[in-house]
Protein backbone atom coordinates (compact mmCIF):
# COMPACT_ATOMS: atom_id res chain seq x y z
CA MET A 1 -31.83 -13.50 -19.19
CA ALA A 2 -29.89 -15.31 -16.54
CA GLN A 3 -25.89 -15.13 -17.07
CA ARG A 4 -24.27 -18.09 -18.26
CA PRO A 5 -21.63 -19.79 -16.00
CA ALA A 6 -18.83 -18.52 -18.14
CA GLY A 7 -20.08 -14.96 -17.90
CA ARG A 8 -20.08 -14.96 -14.05
CA LEU A 9 -16.63 -16.43 -13.92
CA GLN A 10 -15.50 -13.74 -16.22
CA ASP A 11 -17.13 -11.27 -14.15
CA ALA A 12 -15.52 -12.59 -11.02
CA GLN A 13 -12.05 -12.60 -12.53
CA ALA A 14 -12.43 -8.84 -13.26
CA GLN A 15 -13.51 -8.10 -9.86
CA ALA A 16 -10.62 -10.13 -8.33
CA PRO A 17 -8.15 -7.28 -7.87
CA GLN A 18 -10.98 -5.34 -6.15
CA THR A 19 -12.00 -8.27 -3.99
CA GLU A 20 -8.11 -8.81 -2.99
CA GLU A 21 -7.91 -5.03 -1.92
CA GLU A 22 -11.04 -5.59 0.28
CA ILE A 23 -9.74 -8.55 1.87
CA LYS A 24 -6.40 -7.02 2.52
CA ALA A 25 -8.07 -3.98 4.26
CA LEU A 26 -10.22 -6.51 6.30
CA GLU A 27 -6.85 -8.39 7.39
CA ASP A 28 -5.41 -5.05 8.53
CA LYS A 29 -8.21 -4.01 10.57
CA VAL A 30 -8.62 -7.42 12.10
CA PRO A 31 -5.14 -8.93 12.62
CA SER A 32 -4.35 -12.31 12.70
CA THR A 33 -2.63 -12.01 16.22
CA VAL A 34 -3.71 -10.07 19.22
CA ASP A 35 -0.31 -8.13 19.32
CA LEU A 36 -0.84 -6.12 22.58
CA PRO A 37 2.58 -4.41 22.16
CA GLY A 38 1.53 -3.20 18.54
CA LEU A 39 -2.03 -2.21 19.80
CA PHE A 40 -0.29 -0.28 22.73
CA ARG A 41 1.94 1.68 20.57
CA LEU A 42 -0.80 2.50 18.21
CA LEU A 43 -3.10 3.94 21.07
CA GLN A 44 0.04 5.80 22.57
CA GLY A 45 0.63 7.56 19.13
CA VAL A 46 -2.95 8.45 19.05
CA ALA A 47 -2.71 9.62 22.72
CA ASP A 48 0.47 11.71 21.77
CA ARG A 49 -1.34 13.21 18.71
CA ALA A 50 -4.34 14.32 20.62
CA ALA A 51 -2.11 15.80 23.25
CA VAL A 52 -3.79 14.18 26.23
CA ASP A 53 -2.53 14.79 29.66
CA PHE A 54 -2.70 11.33 30.73
CA PHE A 55 -3.41 7.94 29.11
CA GLN A 56 -4.00 4.50 30.66
CA PHE A 57 -4.66 1.40 28.58
CA SER A 58 -5.79 -1.87 30.34
CA PRO A 59 -6.35 -4.68 27.81
CA GLY A 60 -8.17 -7.84 28.93
CA SER A 61 -7.71 -11.42 28.01
CA PRO A 62 -8.74 -12.38 24.53
CA VAL A 63 -12.08 -14.12 24.50
CA PRO A 64 -13.04 -16.50 21.39
CA ASP A 65 -16.39 -15.71 19.61
CA SER A 66 -19.00 -18.51 19.97
CA THR A 67 -18.66 -18.95 16.22
CA GLY A 68 -14.81 -19.58 16.48
CA GLY A 69 -14.02 -17.21 13.69
CA PHE A 70 -12.40 -14.47 15.86
CA SER A 71 -11.47 -13.70 19.33
CA THR A 72 -12.51 -10.40 21.26
CA VAL A 73 -9.98 -8.35 23.25
CA ALA A 74 -12.27 -5.99 25.88
CA SER A 75 -10.03 -3.17 27.10
CA GLN A 76 -10.33 -0.12 29.29
CA ILE A 77 -8.82 3.21 28.15
CA VAL A 78 -8.79 6.24 30.54
CA ILE A 79 -7.46 9.83 29.38
CA THR A 80 -7.38 13.20 30.87
CA GLY A 81 -7.38 16.47 28.87
CA SER A 82 -9.31 19.20 27.68
CA TYR A 83 -12.74 18.84 25.81
CA PHE A 84 -11.09 19.35 22.48
CA THR A 85 -8.28 16.98 23.52
CA LEU A 86 -10.87 14.12 24.41
CA GLN A 87 -12.79 14.82 21.29
CA GLU A 88 -9.65 14.61 18.96
CA PHE A 89 -8.81 11.12 20.85
CA LEU A 90 -12.31 9.90 20.08
CA TYR A 91 -11.96 10.89 16.41
CA SER A 92 -8.65 9.08 16.01
CA LEU A 93 -9.96 6.01 17.87
CA GLU A 94 -12.93 5.98 15.24
CA THR A 95 -10.40 6.25 12.34
CA LEU A 96 -7.56 3.67 13.72
CA PRO A 97 -6.27 1.28 10.91
CA ARG A 98 -7.35 -1.73 13.52
CA ALA A 99 -11.03 -2.18 13.96
CA ALA A 100 -12.22 -1.09 17.41
CA LYS A 101 -15.66 -0.75 19.01
CA VAL A 102 -16.48 1.63 21.72
CA MET A 103 -18.97 -0.12 24.09
CA SER A 104 -19.26 2.85 26.63
CA VAL A 105 -18.17 6.31 27.36
CA GLY A 106 -17.79 8.13 30.69
CA ILE A 107 -16.72 11.76 31.12
CA ALA A 108 -16.17 13.54 34.49
CA PRO A 109 -14.48 16.66 35.63
CA THR A 110 -10.74 16.16 37.07
CA GLY A 111 -9.74 17.34 40.42
CA GLY A 112 -6.30 19.13 40.95
CA GLY A 113 -4.17 16.08 39.86
CA THR A 114 -4.47 14.07 36.60
CA GLU A 115 -5.62 10.92 38.32
CA GLY A 116 -8.27 12.02 40.88
CA THR A 117 -11.68 12.86 39.82
CA THR A 118 -14.19 15.07 41.77
CA THR A 119 -17.85 16.17 41.24
CA THR A 120 -16.95 19.84 41.27
CA PRO A 121 -15.70 21.44 38.11
CA THR A 122 -12.28 22.92 38.36
CA PRO A 123 -11.14 26.32 36.77
CA THR A 124 -8.51 24.34 34.53
CA GLY A 125 -11.44 22.82 32.44
CA ARG A 126 -9.72 19.24 32.58
CA LEU A 127 -11.97 16.21 31.98
CA GLN A 128 -11.48 12.52 32.29
CA MET A 129 -12.81 10.03 29.98
CA GLN A 130 -13.29 6.57 30.59
CA LEU A 131 -13.93 4.11 27.47
CA SER A 132 -14.69 0.41 27.11
CA VAL A 133 -13.41 -0.54 23.76
CA GLU A 134 -13.37 -4.02 22.14
CA PHE A 135 -10.49 -4.83 19.58
CA TYR A 136 -10.38 -7.99 17.42
CA THR A 137 -8.23 -10.67 16.21
CA THR A 138 -8.89 -13.56 13.76
CA ASP A 139 -6.79 -15.67 16.05
CA SER A 140 -9.71 -17.89 17.73
CA SER A 141 -7.22 -19.90 19.68
CA ALA A 142 -6.15 -16.55 21.56
CA GLY A 143 -7.23 -16.28 25.48
CA PRO A 144 -6.95 -18.07 28.63
CA GLY A 145 -6.63 -21.87 28.07
CA SER A 146 -6.29 -21.91 24.48
CA GLU A 147 -3.96 -23.84 22.52
CA PRO A 148 -0.81 -21.97 21.38
CA GLY A 149 -1.55 -20.44 17.81
CA PRO A 150 0.14 -17.86 15.59
CA THR A 151 1.17 -15.77 18.79
CA GLU A 152 3.34 -18.52 20.16
CA GLY A 153 6.82 -17.28 20.74
CA LEU A 154 5.88 -13.63 20.78
CA SER A 155 6.25 -11.39 23.71
CA THR A 156 2.87 -10.05 24.84
CA VAL A 157 2.17 -7.20 27.31
CA PRO A 158 0.48 -8.81 30.48
CA ALA A 159 -3.22 -8.03 30.99
CA ALA A 160 -2.07 -5.62 33.90
CA SER A 161 -2.79 -1.88 33.80
CA ILE A 162 -0.30 -0.08 31.50
CA LYS A 163 0.01 3.79 32.56
CA THR A 164 1.73 6.52 30.61
CA ASP A 165 1.80 10.05 32.27
CA THR A 166 2.48 12.69 29.73
CA THR A 167 1.76 15.48 32.29
CA THR A 168 4.56 18.23 31.83
CA GLU A 169 5.04 20.96 34.81
CA SER A 170 5.77 24.36 34.23
CA GLY A 171 7.76 26.31 37.13
CA ALA A 172 6.28 29.44 38.37
């Protein structure tokens, strides 16, 4: 038997709290503004907890989706550390409170410094990982040539590279 309209309405009302929680969780994962400073702080916290030696975040300009429902922020992330540090960073990135999609991963051994890479493994076991990651916002007016939307008046981090060197030197 088909359910009557009144029964469907009662079912919808009963499920409303659960549906509202799901909507709130989605809004947290895909914020209404780009919030690059907040995104940088979030990623810096992940890098600190993973104990990476070097962290670099280069966000791109937001690009509206063809449907107009959201914008994508393509970003580049570079970290240097041990295998386990890189693994911890990736796990933390996967479990961020903000939606992220890793598009590509490249790993190579590093040279003597934290920024140069070589093709010869070093005794330190340090690796450099380069990630292409997409972040999302429901602000469909974000990006070059857009009309000021919810982000109007907020300070933003320029799309230039942001580097943080957390290398510590020990005296011998």
